[in-house]
Amino acid sequence: MIQGMPLVIYPVKDVAQAQAAYTKFLGVEPYVSSPYYVGYKVGGQEVGLDPNGHAHGLTGPIAYWVVDDIHAAVQTCLDAGAQTQQAVRDVGGGMLVALIKDADGNLTGLRQMP
């Protein structure tokens, strides 16, 4: 079951510069600030900055759908003609993420909360 799309991740090349810009733009301080991820919570939405995104092939923002069962969701997407862009992986604390690419080349993230 899909629960919503509360997360958008932006790949950034300079995390310190991006953090300064997004902090000013969003008008809030990040709830987490580390060398590998900066996260903001704004109006029920999470906005993340990923300094490793470009190295993982990201060329723009990725929206993440929250799902109950990420493996089943990935399989449903594959059955519908999508391809795996990034296999299911644990990004810490039991949170699982994956990226799929649809037939038009659009990337969509899937996230399963612990």
PDB file of N, CA and C in Angstrom:
ATOM      1  N   MET A   1       0.840  -1.177   0.000  1.00  0.00           N
ATOM      2  CA  MET A   1       0.000   0.000   0.000  1.00  0.00           C
ATOM      3  C   MET A   1       0.889   1.247   0.000  1.00  0.00           C
ATOM      4  N   ILE A   2       0.529   2.202  -0.814  1.00  0.00           N
ATOM      5  CA  ILE A   2       1.245   3.477  -0.881  1.00  0.00           C
ATOM      6  C   ILE A   2       0.671   4.414   0.169  1.00  0.00           C
ATOM      7  N   GLN A   3       1.560   5.089   0.893  1.00  0.00           N
ATOM      8  CA  GLN A   3       1.143   5.972   1.984  1.00  0.00           C
ATOM      9  C   GLN A   3       1.261   7.454   1.646  1.00  0.00           C
ATOM     10  N   GLY A   4       1.912   7.798   0.570  1.00  0.00           N
ATOM     11  CA  GLY A   4       2.084   9.198   0.200  1.00  0.00           C
ATOM     12  C   GLY A   4       3.476   9.437  -0.335  1.00  0.00           C
ATOM     13  N   MET A   5       3.749  10.677  -0.703  1.00  0.00           N
ATOM     14  CA  MET A   5       5.041  11.053  -1.273  1.00  0.00           C
ATOM     15  C   MET A   5       5.615  12.218  -0.457  1.00  0.00           C
ATOM     16  N   PRO A   6       6.025  11.952   0.782  1.00  0.00           N
ATOM     17  CA  PRO A   6       6.458  13.046   1.654  1.00  0.00           C
ATOM     18  C   PRO A   6       7.936  13.412   1.575  1.00  0.00           C
ATOM     19  N   LEU A   7       8.672  12.873   0.604  1.00  0.00           N
ATOM     20  CA  LEU A   7      10.112  13.111   0.564  1.00  0.00           C
ATOM     21  C   LEU A   7      10.573  13.436  -0.848  1.00  0.00           C
ATOM     22  N   VAL A   8      11.377  14.488  -0.962  1.00  0.00           N
ATOM     23  CA  VAL A   8      12.051  14.830  -2.212  1.00  0.00           C
ATOM     24  C   VAL A   8      13.526  14.999  -1.880  1.00  0.00           C
ATOM     25  N   ILE A   9      14.375  14.295  -2.647  1.00  0.00           N
ATOM     26  CA  ILE A   9      15.820  14.365  -2.454  1.00  0.00           C
ATOM     27  C   ILE A   9      16.438  15.104  -3.641  1.00  0.00           C
ATOM     28  N   TYR A  10      17.289  16.066  -3.328  1.00  0.00           N
ATOM     29  CA  TYR A  10      18.030  16.802  -4.346  1.00  0.00           C
ATOM     30  C   TYR A  10      19.491  16.372  -4.314  1.00  0.00           C
ATOM     31  N   PRO A  11      20.049  15.926  -5.439  1.00  0.00           N
ATOM     32  CA  PRO A  11      21.485  15.664  -5.469  1.00  0.00           C
ATOM     33  C   PRO A  11      22.220  17.004  -5.498  1.00  0.00           C
ATOM     34  N   VAL A  12      23.244  17.141  -4.678  1.00  0.00           N
ATOM     35  CA  VAL A  12      24.008  18.394  -4.625  1.00  0.00           C
ATOM     36  C   VAL A  12      25.496  18.085  -4.706  1.00  0.00           C
ATOM     37  N   LYS A  13      26.247  19.009  -5.261  1.00  0.00           N
ATOM     38  CA  LYS A  13      27.693  18.816  -5.385  1.00  0.00           C
ATOM     39  C   LYS A  13      28.450  19.400  -4.206  1.00  0.00           C
ATOM     40  N   ASP A  14      27.965  20.499  -3.655  1.00  0.00           N
ATOM     41  CA  ASP A  14      28.592  21.147  -2.509  1.00  0.00           C
ATOM     42  C   ASP A  14      27.548  21.232  -1.403  1.00  0.00           C
ATOM     43  N   VAL A  15      27.615  20.302  -0.464  1.00  0.00           N
ATOM     44  CA  VAL A  15      26.560  20.198   0.552  1.00  0.00           C
ATOM     45  C   VAL A  15      26.504  21.438   1.442  1.00  0.00           C
ATOM     46  N   ALA A  16      27.639  22.038   1.769  1.00  0.00           N
ATOM     47  CA  ALA A  16      27.634  23.234   2.616  1.00  0.00           C
ATOM     48  C   ALA A  16      26.968  24.402   1.894  1.00  0.00           C
ATOM     49  N   GLN A  17      27.303  24.592   0.635  1.00  0.00           N
ATOM     50  CA  GLN A  17      26.698  25.668  -0.150  1.00  0.00           C
ATOM     51  C   GLN A  17      25.198  25.424  -0.324  1.00  0.00           C
ATOM     52  N   ALA A  18      24.831  24.183  -0.631  1.00  0.00           N
ATOM     53  CA  ALA A  18      23.417  23.846  -0.816  1.00  0.00           C
ATOM     54  C   ALA A  18      22.647  24.032   0.497  1.00  0.00           C
ATOM     55  N   GLN A  19      23.251  23.633   1.617  1.00  0.00           N
ATOM     56  CA  GLN A  19      22.575  23.796   2.908  1.00  0.00           C
ATOM     57  C   GLN A  19      22.307  25.272   3.185  1.00  0.00           C
ATOM     58  N   ALA A  20      23.273  26.127   2.938  1.00  0.00           N
ATOM     59  CA  ALA A  20      23.075  27.562   3.158  1.00  0.00           C
ATOM     60  C   ALA A  20      21.931  28.087   2.282  1.00  0.00           C
ATOM     61  N   ALA A  21      21.914  27.679   1.022  1.00  0.00           N
ATOM     62  CA  ALA A  21      20.882  28.157   0.097  1.00  0.00           C
ATOM     63  C   ALA A  21      19.495  27.641   0.482  1.00  0.00           C
ATOM     64  N   TYR A  22      19.386  26.338   0.780  1.00  0.00           N
ATOM     65  CA  TYR A  22      18.076  25.770   1.110  1.00  0.00           C
ATOM     66  C   TYR A  22      17.578  26.252   2.468  1.00  0.00           C
ATOM     67  N   THR A  23      18.479  26.489   3.412  1.00  0.00           N
ATOM     68  CA  THR A  23      18.071  27.021   4.715  1.00  0.00           C
ATOM     69  C   THR A  23      17.448  28.402   4.519  1.00  0.00           C
ATOM     70  N   LYS A  24      18.071  29.200   3.701  1.00  0.00           N
ATOM     71  CA  LYS A  24      17.536  30.537   3.431  1.00  0.00           C
ATOM     72  C   LYS A  24      16.216  30.448   2.672  1.00  0.00           C
ATOM     73  N   PHE A  25      16.175  29.630   1.621  1.00  0.00           N
ATOM     74  CA  PHE A  25      14.974  29.496   0.793  1.00  0.00           C
ATOM     75  C   PHE A  25      13.796  28.934   1.582  1.00  0.00           C
ATOM     76  N   LEU A  26      14.034  27.859   2.337  1.00  0.00           N
ATOM     77  CA  LEU A  26      12.950  27.202   3.069  1.00  0.00           C
ATOM     78  C   LEU A  26      12.566  27.942   4.345  1.00  0.00           C
ATOM     79  N   GLY A  27      13.482  28.744   4.874  1.00  0.00           N
ATOM     80  CA  GLY A  27      13.180  29.523   6.068  1.00  0.00           C
ATOM     81  C   GLY A  27      13.216  28.723   7.357  1.00  0.00           C
ATOM     82  N   VAL A  28      13.825  27.537   7.324  1.00  0.00           N
ATOM     83  CA  VAL A  28      13.954  26.706   8.528  1.00  0.00           C
ATOM     84  C   VAL A  28      15.353  26.101   8.560  1.00  0.00           C
ATOM     85  N   GLU A  29      15.797  25.774   9.767  1.00  0.00           N
ATOM     86  CA  GLU A  29      17.062  25.078   9.938  1.00  0.00           C
ATOM     87  C   GLU A  29      16.842  23.591   9.658  1.00  0.00           C
ATOM     88  N   PRO A  30      17.850  22.888   9.183  1.00  0.00           N
ATOM     89  CA  PRO A  30      17.699  21.445   8.963  1.00  0.00           C
ATOM     90  C   PRO A  30      17.538  20.696  10.290  1.00  0.00           C
ATOM     91  N   TYR A  31      16.770  19.614  10.265  1.00  0.00           N
ATOM     92  CA  TYR A  31      16.630  18.781  11.458  1.00  0.00           C
ATOM     93  C   TYR A  31      17.806  17.818  11.567  1.00  0.00           C
ATOM     94  N   VAL A  32      18.496  17.597  10.448  1.00  0.00           N
ATOM     95  CA  VAL A  32      19.715  16.797  10.447  1.00  0.00           C
ATOM     96  C   VAL A  32      20.684  17.443   9.463  1.00  0.00           C
ATOM     97  N   SER A  33      21.936  17.543   9.887  1.00  0.00           N
ATOM     98  CA  SER A  33      22.968  18.122   9.035  1.00  0.00           C
ATOM     99  C   SER A  33      24.237  17.306   9.219  1.00  0.00           C
ATOM    100  N   SER A  34      24.600  16.574   8.171  1.00  0.00           N
ATOM    101  CA  SER A  34      25.790  15.736   8.236  1.00  0.00           C
ATOM    102  C   SER A  34      26.492  15.802   6.885  1.00  0.00           C
ATOM    103  N   PRO A  35      27.703  15.290   6.810  1.00  0.00           N
ATOM    104  CA  PRO A  35      28.406  15.311   5.530  1.00  0.00           C
ATOM    105  C   PRO A  35      27.733  14.472   4.443  1.00  0.00           C
ATOM    106  N   TYR A  36      26.877  13.513   4.835  1.00  0.00           N
ATOM    107  CA  TYR A  36      26.254  12.627   3.853  1.00  0.00           C
ATOM    108  C   TYR A  36      24.775  12.903   3.623  1.00  0.00           C
ATOM    109  N   TYR A  37      24.147  13.801   4.412  1.00  0.00           N
ATOM    110  CA  TYR A  37      22.725  14.093   4.222  1.00  0.00           C
ATOM    111  C   TYR A  37      22.351  15.321   5.043  1.00  0.00           C
ATOM    112  N   VAL A  38      21.564  16.189   4.434  1.00  0.00           N
ATOM    113  CA  VAL A  38      20.968  17.319   5.143  1.00  0.00           C
ATOM    114  C   VAL A  38      19.469  17.205   4.918  1.00  0.00           C
ATOM    115  N   GLY A  39      18.694  17.245   6.005  1.00  0.00           N
ATOM    116  CA  GLY A  39      17.250  17.086   5.879  1.00  0.00           C
ATOM    117  C   GLY A  39      16.467  18.206   6.532  1.00  0.00           C
ATOM    118  N   TYR A  40      15.403  18.612   5.855  1.00  0.00           N
ATOM    119  CA  TYR A  40      14.505  19.649   6.349  1.00  0.00           C
ATOM    120  C   TYR A  40      13.097  19.073   6.438  1.00  0.00           C
ATOM    121  N   LYS A  41      12.308  19.573   7.369  1.00  0.00           N
ATOM    122  CA  LYS A  41      10.882  19.242   7.430  1.00  0.00           C
ATOM    123  C   LYS A  41      10.115  20.548   7.311  1.00  0.00           C
ATOM    124  N   VAL A  42       9.310  20.619   6.245  1.00  0.00           N
ATOM    125  CA  VAL A  42       8.570  21.839   5.940  1.00  0.00           C
ATOM    126  C   VAL A  42       7.152  21.460   5.529  1.00  0.00           C
ATOM    127  N   GLY A  43       6.170  21.885   6.299  1.00  0.00           N
ATOM    128  CA  GLY A  43       4.775  21.660   5.937  1.00  0.00           C
ATOM    129  C   GLY A  43       4.419  20.214   5.680  1.00  0.00           C
ATOM    130  N   GLY A  44       4.929  19.298   6.491  1.00  0.00           N
ATOM    131  CA  GLY A  44       4.638  17.879   6.319  1.00  0.00           C
ATOM    132  C   GLY A  44       5.468  17.212   5.238  1.00  0.00           C
ATOM    133  N   GLN A  45       6.345  17.949   4.614  1.00  0.00           N
ATOM    134  CA  GLN A  45       7.198  17.435   3.541  1.00  0.00           C
ATOM    135  C   GLN A  45       8.634  17.386   4.044  1.00  0.00           C
ATOM    136  N   GLU A  46       9.372  16.356   3.646  1.00  0.00           N
ATOM    137  CA  GLU A  46      10.795  16.311   3.930  1.00  0.00           C
ATOM    138  C   GLU A  46      11.549  16.643   2.648  1.00  0.00           C
ATOM    139  N   VAL A  47      12.525  17.527   2.776  1.00  0.00           N
ATOM    140  CA  VAL A  47      13.398  17.895   1.670  1.00  0.00           C
ATOM    141  C   VAL A  47      14.801  17.484   2.083  1.00  0.00           C
ATOM    142  N   GLY A  48      15.434  16.650   1.257  1.00  0.00           N
ATOM    143  CA  GLY A  48      16.767  16.169   1.574  1.00  0.00           C
ATOM    144  C   GLY A  48      17.784  16.609   0.541  1.00  0.00           C
ATOM    145  N   LEU A  49      19.020  16.838   1.008  1.00  0.00           N
ATOM    146  CA  LEU A  49      20.142  17.168   0.140  1.00  0.00           C
ATOM    147  C   LEU A  49      21.130  16.017   0.223  1.00  0.00           C
ATOM    148  N   ASP A  50      21.448  15.425  -0.925  1.00  0.00           N
ATOM    149  CA  ASP A  50      22.324  14.259  -0.969  1.00  0.00           C
ATOM    150  C   ASP A  50      23.588  14.573  -1.754  1.00  0.00           C
ATOM    151  N   PRO A  51      24.727  14.738  -1.058  1.00  0.00           N
ATOM    152  CA  PRO A  51      25.967  15.047  -1.758  1.00  0.00           C
ATOM    153  C   PRO A  51      26.530  13.865  -2.551  1.00  0.00           C
ATOM    154  N   ASN A  52      25.949  12.686  -2.385  1.00  0.00           N
ATOM    155  CA  ASN A  52      26.383  11.512  -3.145  1.00  0.00           C
ATOM    156  C   ASN A  52      25.417  11.174  -4.278  1.00  0.00           C
ATOM    157  N   GLY A  53      24.381  11.963  -4.443  1.00  0.00           N
ATOM    158  CA  GLY A  53      23.366  11.679  -5.456  1.00  0.00           C
ATOM    159  C   GLY A  53      23.887  11.625  -6.868  1.00  0.00           C
ATOM    160  N   HIS A  54      24.732  12.575  -7.232  1.00  0.00           N
ATOM    161  CA  HIS A  54      25.271  12.581  -8.593  1.00  0.00           C
ATOM    162  C   HIS A  54      26.117  11.338  -8.850  1.00  0.00           C
ATOM    163  N   ALA A  55      26.862  10.903  -7.848  1.00  0.00           N
ATOM    164  CA  ALA A  55      27.691   9.696  -7.993  1.00  0.00           C
ATOM    165  C   ALA A  55      26.832   8.451  -8.190  1.00  0.00           C
ATOM    166  N   HIS A  56      25.569   8.512  -7.730  1.00  0.00           N
ATOM    167  CA  HIS A  56      24.640   7.390  -7.898  1.00  0.00           C
ATOM    168  C   HIS A  56      23.786   7.546  -9.150  1.00  0.00           C
ATOM    169  N   GLY A  57      24.130   8.500 -10.000  1.00  0.00           N
ATOM    170  CA  GLY A  57      23.431   8.651 -11.272  1.00  0.00           C
ATOM    171  C   GLY A  57      22.245   9.589 -11.268  1.00  0.00           C
ATOM    172  N   LEU A  58      22.024  10.311 -10.174  1.00  0.00           N
ATOM    173  CA  LEU A  58      20.890  11.235 -10.132  1.00  0.00           C
ATOM    174  C   LEU A  58      21.253  12.515 -10.863  1.00  0.00           C
ATOM    175  N   THR A  59      20.317  13.005 -11.657  1.00  0.00           N
ATOM    176  CA  THR A  59      20.541  14.238 -12.402  1.00  0.00           C
ATOM    177  C   THR A  59      19.581  15.341 -11.988  1.00  0.00           C
ATOM    178  N   GLY A  60      18.663  15.038 -11.090  1.00  0.00           N
ATOM    179  CA  GLY A  60      17.686  16.014 -10.610  1.00  0.00           C
ATOM    180  C   GLY A  60      16.977  15.471  -9.394  1.00  0.00           C
ATOM    181  N   PRO A  61      16.014  16.214  -8.874  1.00  0.00           N
ATOM    182  CA  PRO A  61      15.290  15.788  -7.675  1.00  0.00           C
ATOM    183  C   PRO A  61      14.546  14.474  -7.894  1.00  0.00           C
ATOM    184  N   ILE A  62      14.450  13.702  -6.823  1.00  0.00           N
ATOM    185  CA  ILE A  62      13.716  12.432  -6.844  1.00  0.00           C
ATOM    186  C   ILE A  62      12.661  12.460  -5.743  1.00  0.00           C
ATOM    187  N   ALA A  63      11.423  12.198  -6.122  1.00  0.00           N
ATOM    188  CA  ALA A  63      10.339  12.080  -5.143  1.00  0.00           C
ATOM    189  C   ALA A  63      10.266  10.620  -4.687  1.00  0.00           C
ATOM    190  N   TYR A  64      10.056  10.424  -3.395  1.00  0.00           N
ATOM    191  CA  TYR A  64       9.985   9.076  -2.821  1.00  0.00           C
ATOM    192  C   TYR A  64       8.585   8.804  -2.290  1.00  0.00           C
ATOM    193  N   TRP A  65       7.991   7.724  -2.806  1.00  0.00           N
ATOM    194  CA  TRP A  65       6.722   7.229  -2.287  1.00  0.00           C
ATOM    195  C   TRP A  65       7.013   6.345  -1.078  1.00  0.00           C
ATOM    196  N   VAL A  66       6.261   6.515  -0.014  1.00  0.00           N
ATOM    197  CA  VAL A  66       6.372   5.631   1.144  1.00  0.00           C
ATOM    198  C   VAL A  66       5.452   4.444   0.905  1.00  0.00           C
ATOM    199  N   VAL A  67       6.008   3.248   1.044  1.00  0.00           N
ATOM    200  CA  VAL A  67       5.252   2.017   0.811  1.00  0.00           C
ATOM    201  C   VAL A  67       5.381   1.099   2.025  1.00  0.00           C
ATOM    202  N   ASP A  68       4.407   0.213   2.189  1.00  0.00           N
ATOM    203  CA  ASP A  68       4.435  -0.749   3.293  1.00  0.00           C
ATOM    204  C   ASP A  68       5.451  -1.859   3.061  1.00  0.00           C
ATOM    205  N   ASP A  69       5.566  -2.322   1.822  1.00  0.00           N
ATOM    206  CA  ASP A  69       6.447  -3.443   1.483  1.00  0.00           C
ATOM    207  C   ASP A  69       7.230  -3.064   0.233  1.00  0.00           C
ATOM    208  N   ILE A  70       8.466  -2.632   0.427  1.00  0.00           N
ATOM    209  CA  ILE A  70       9.254  -2.111  -0.696  1.00  0.00           C
ATOM    210  C   ILE A  70       9.554  -3.184  -1.735  1.00  0.00           C
ATOM    211  N   HIS A  71       9.779  -4.410  -1.295  1.00  0.00           N
ATOM    212  CA  HIS A  71      10.083  -5.476  -2.257  1.00  0.00           C
ATOM    213  C   HIS A  71       8.871  -5.762  -3.152  1.00  0.00           C
ATOM    214  N   ALA A  72       7.693  -5.782  -2.560  1.00  0.00           N
ATOM    215  CA  ALA A  72       6.474  -5.986  -3.349  1.00  0.00           C
ATOM    216  C   ALA A  72       6.227  -4.798  -4.280  1.00  0.00           C
ATOM    217  N   ALA A  73       6.495  -3.582  -3.803  1.00  0.00           N
ATOM    218  CA  ALA A  73       6.291  -2.384  -4.629  1.00  0.00           C
ATOM    219  C   ALA A  73       7.247  -2.377  -5.819  1.00  0.00           C
ATOM    220  N   VAL A  74       8.510  -2.744  -5.579  1.00  0.00           N
ATOM    221  CA  VAL A  74       9.474  -2.821  -6.679  1.00  0.00           C
ATOM    222  C   VAL A  74       9.006  -3.850  -7.698  1.00  0.00           C
ATOM    223  N   GLN A  75       8.564  -5.009  -7.234  1.00  0.00           N
ATOM    224  CA  GLN A  75       8.114  -6.056  -8.151  1.00  0.00           C
ATOM    225  C   GLN A  75       6.903  -5.607  -8.959  1.00  0.00           C
ATOM    226  N   THR A  76       5.975  -4.897  -8.316  1.00  0.00           N
ATOM    227  CA  THR A  76       4.814  -4.370  -9.027  1.00  0.00           C
ATOM    228  C   THR A  76       5.254  -3.429 -10.145  1.00  0.00           C
ATOM    229  N   CYS A  77       6.233  -2.578  -9.847  1.00  0.00           N
ATOM    230  CA  CYS A  77       6.751  -1.649 -10.859  1.00  0.00           C
ATOM    231  C   CYS A  77       7.437  -2.403 -11.999  1.00  0.00           C
ATOM    232  N   LEU A  78       8.229  -3.415 -11.653  1.00  0.00           N
ATOM    233  CA  LEU A  78       8.899  -4.213 -12.676  1.00  0.00           C
ATOM    234  C   LEU A  78       7.885  -4.922 -13.560  1.00  0.00           C
ATOM    235  N   ASP A  79       6.840  -5.472 -12.938  1.00  0.00           N
ATOM    236  CA  ASP A  79       5.786  -6.151 -13.689  1.00  0.00           C
ATOM    237  C   ASP A  79       5.062  -5.200 -14.646  1.00  0.00           C
ATOM    238  N   ALA A  80       5.080  -3.897 -14.307  1.00  0.00           N
ATOM    239  CA  ALA A  80       4.423  -2.896 -15.143  1.00  0.00           C
ATOM    240  C   ALA A  80       5.368  -2.316 -16.195  1.00  0.00           C
ATOM    241  N   GLY A  81       6.583  -2.859 -16.289  1.00  0.00           N
ATOM    242  CA  GLY A  81       7.504  -2.433 -17.332  1.00  0.00           C
ATOM    243  C   GLY A  81       8.640  -1.533 -16.885  1.00  0.00           C
ATOM    244  N   ALA A  82       8.733  -1.252 -15.595  1.00  0.00           N
ATOM    245  CA  ALA A  82       9.829  -0.417 -15.087  1.00  0.00           C
ATOM    246  C   ALA A  82      11.118  -1.232 -14.995  1.00  0.00           C
ATOM    247  N   GLN A  83      12.209  -0.530 -14.789  1.00  0.00           N
ATOM    248  CA  GLN A  83      13.508  -1.164 -14.565  1.00  0.00           C
ATOM    249  C   GLN A  83      14.049  -0.700 -13.218  1.00  0.00           C
ATOM    250  N   THR A  84      14.871  -1.531 -12.619  1.00  0.00           N
ATOM    251  CA  THR A  84      15.511  -1.139 -11.369  1.00  0.00           C
ATOM    252  C   THR A  84      16.672  -0.200 -11.686  1.00  0.00           C
ATOM    253  N   GLN A  85      16.648   0.976 -11.115  1.00  0.00           N
ATOM    254  CA  GLN A  85      17.750   1.929 -11.247  1.00  0.00           C
ATOM    255  C   GLN A  85      18.720   1.753 -10.077  1.00  0.00           C
ATOM    256  N   GLN A  86      18.159   1.509  -8.901  1.00  0.00           N
ATOM    257  CA  GLN A  86      18.954   1.293  -7.690  1.00  0.00           C
ATOM    258  C   GLN A  86      18.195   0.279  -6.845  1.00  0.00           C
ATOM    259  N   ALA A  87      18.821  -0.852  -6.577  1.00  0.00           N
ATOM    260  CA  ALA A  87      18.173  -1.929  -5.833  1.00  0.00           C
ATOM    261  C   ALA A  87      17.849  -1.486  -4.402  1.00  0.00           C
ATOM    262  N   VAL A  88      16.987  -2.233  -3.769  1.00  0.00           N
ATOM    263  CA  VAL A  88      16.619  -1.959  -2.379  1.00  0.00           C
ATOM    264  C   VAL A  88      17.873  -1.981  -1.514  1.00  0.00           C
ATOM    265  N   ARG A  89      18.008  -0.924  -0.687  1.00  0.00           N
ATOM    266  CA  ARG A  89      19.144  -0.869   0.232  1.00  0.00           C
ATOM    267  C   ARG A  89      18.720  -0.196   1.528  1.00  0.00           C
ATOM    268  N   ASP A  90      19.389  -0.563   2.588  1.00  0.00           N
ATOM    269  CA  ASP A  90      19.149   0.017   3.906  1.00  0.00           C
ATOM    270  C   ASP A  90      20.015   1.259   4.020  1.00  0.00           C
ATOM    271  N   VAL A  91      19.396   2.416   4.266  1.00  0.00           N
ATOM    272  CA  VAL A  91      20.146   3.665   4.378  1.00  0.00           C
ATOM    273  C   VAL A  91      20.361   4.078   5.831  1.00  0.00           C
ATOM    274  N   GLY A  92      20.053   3.172   6.746  1.00  0.00           N
ATOM    275  CA  GLY A  92      20.277   3.428   8.162  1.00  0.00           C
ATOM    276  C   GLY A  92      19.010   3.296   8.971  1.00  0.00           C
ATOM    277  N   GLY A  93      19.155   2.680  10.126  1.00  0.00           N
ATOM    278  CA  GLY A  93      18.018   2.553  11.028  1.00  0.00           C
ATOM    279  C   GLY A  93      16.901   1.679  10.506  1.00  0.00           C
ATOM    280  N   GLY A  94      17.189   0.846   9.525  1.00  0.00           N
ATOM    281  CA  GLY A  94      16.165  -0.024   8.969  1.00  0.00           C
ATOM    282  C   GLY A  94      15.320   0.606   7.880  1.00  0.00           C
ATOM    283  N   MET A  95      15.607   1.871   7.515  1.00  0.00           N
ATOM    284  CA  MET A  95      14.870   2.503   6.423  1.00  0.00           C
ATOM    285  C   MET A  95      15.401   1.955   5.106  1.00  0.00           C
ATOM    286  N   LEU A  96      14.489   1.465   4.268  1.00  0.00           N
ATOM    287  CA  LEU A  96      14.851   0.887   2.972  1.00  0.00           C
ATOM    288  C   LEU A  96      14.432   1.830   1.851  1.00  0.00           C
ATOM    289  N   VAL A  97      15.293   1.963   0.852  1.00  0.00           N
ATOM    290  CA  VAL A  97      14.978   2.784  -0.317  1.00  0.00           C
ATOM    291  C   VAL A  97      15.354   2.038  -1.587  1.00  0.00           C
ATOM    292  N   ALA A  98      14.717   2.415  -2.671  1.00  0.00           N
ATOM    293  CA  ALA A  98      15.028   1.876  -4.000  1.00  0.00           C
ATOM    294  C   ALA A  98      14.632   2.932  -5.020  1.00  0.00           C
ATOM    295  N   LEU A  99      15.233   2.850  -6.202  1.00  0.00           N
ATOM    296  CA  LEU A  99      14.870   3.722  -7.315  1.00  0.00           C
ATOM    297  C   LEU A  99      14.466   2.860  -8.498  1.00  0.00           C
ATOM    298  N   ILE A 100      13.381   3.254  -9.133  1.00  0.00           N
ATOM    299  CA  ILE A 100      12.937   2.568 -10.338  1.00  0.00           C
ATOM    300  C   ILE A 100      12.865   3.577 -11.480  1.00  0.00           C
ATOM    301  N   LYS A 101      12.988   3.083 -12.702  1.00  0.00           N
ATOM    302  CA  LYS A 101      12.888   3.929 -13.892  1.00  0.00           C
ATOM    303  C   LYS A 101      11.759   3.390 -14.748  1.00  0.00           C
ATOM    304  N   ASP A 102      10.790   4.249 -15.061  1.00  0.00           N
ATOM    305  CA  ASP A 102       9.670   3.798 -15.884  1.00  0.00           C
ATOM    306  C   ASP A 102      10.070   3.770 -17.362  1.00  0.00           C
ATOM    307  N   ALA A 103       9.145   3.356 -18.199  1.00  0.00           N
ATOM    308  CA  ALA A 103       9.429   3.188 -19.626  1.00  0.00           C
ATOM    309  C   ALA A 103       9.813   4.499 -20.311  1.00  0.00           C
ATOM    310  N   ASP A 104       9.444   5.637 -19.708  1.00  0.00           N
ATOM    311  CA  ASP A 104       9.788   6.938 -20.268  1.00  0.00           C
ATOM    312  C   ASP A 104      11.081   7.503 -19.690  1.00  0.00           C
ATOM    313  N   GLY A 105      11.739   6.734 -18.831  1.00  0.00           N
ATOM    314  CA  GLY A 105      13.001   7.169 -18.249  1.00  0.00           C
ATOM    315  C   GLY A 105      12.863   7.980 -16.971  1.00  0.00           C
ATOM    316  N   ASN A 106      11.635   8.124 -16.469  1.00  0.00           N
ATOM    317  CA  ASN A 106      11.418   8.868 -15.238  1.00  0.00           C
ATOM    318  C   ASN A 106      11.851   8.048 -14.029  1.00  0.00           C
ATOM    319  N   LEU A 107      12.583   8.682 -13.118  1.00  0.00           N
ATOM    320  CA  LEU A 107      12.999   8.017 -11.891  1.00  0.00           C
ATOM    321  C   LEU A 107      12.008   8.290 -10.776  1.00  0.00           C
ATOM    322  N   THR A 108      11.688   7.251 -10.017  1.00  0.00           N
ATOM    323  CA  THR A 108      10.810   7.362  -8.867  1.00  0.00           C
ATOM    324  C   THR A 108      11.438   6.595  -7.713  1.00  0.00           C
ATOM    325  N   GLY A 109      11.422   7.213  -6.550  1.00  0.00           N
ATOM    326  CA  GLY A 109      11.941   6.572  -5.366  1.00  0.00           C
ATOM    327  C   GLY A 109      10.851   5.864  -4.593  1.00  0.00           C
ATOM    328  N   LEU A 110      11.235   4.796  -3.931  1.00  0.00           N
ATOM    329  CA  LEU A 110      10.361   4.058  -3.025  1.00  0.00           C
ATOM    330  C   LEU A 110      11.065   4.014  -1.679  1.00  0.00           C
ATOM    331  N   ARG A 111      10.305   4.192  -0.602  1.00  0.00           N
ATOM    332  CA  ARG A 111      10.890   4.199   0.742  1.00  0.00           C
ATOM    333  C   ARG A 111       9.987   3.419   1.690  1.00  0.00           C
ATOM    334  N   GLN A 112      10.582   2.510   2.433  1.00  0.00           N
ATOM    335  CA  GLN A 112       9.861   1.748   3.457  1.00  0.00           C
ATOM    336  C   GLN A 112      10.432   2.167   4.810  1.00  0.00           C
ATOM    337  N   MET A 113       9.556   2.655   5.669  1.00  0.00           N
ATOM    338  CA  MET A 113       9.974   3.101   6.991  1.00  0.00           C
ATOM    339  C   MET A 113      10.190   1.891   7.898  1.00  0.00           C
ATOM    340  N   PRO A 114      11.096   2.029   8.866  1.00  0.00           N
ATOM    341  CA  PRO A 114      11.333   0.890   9.797  1.00  0.00           C
ATOM    342  C   PRO A 114      10.138   0.642  10.700  1.00  0.00           C
TER     343      PRO A 114
END
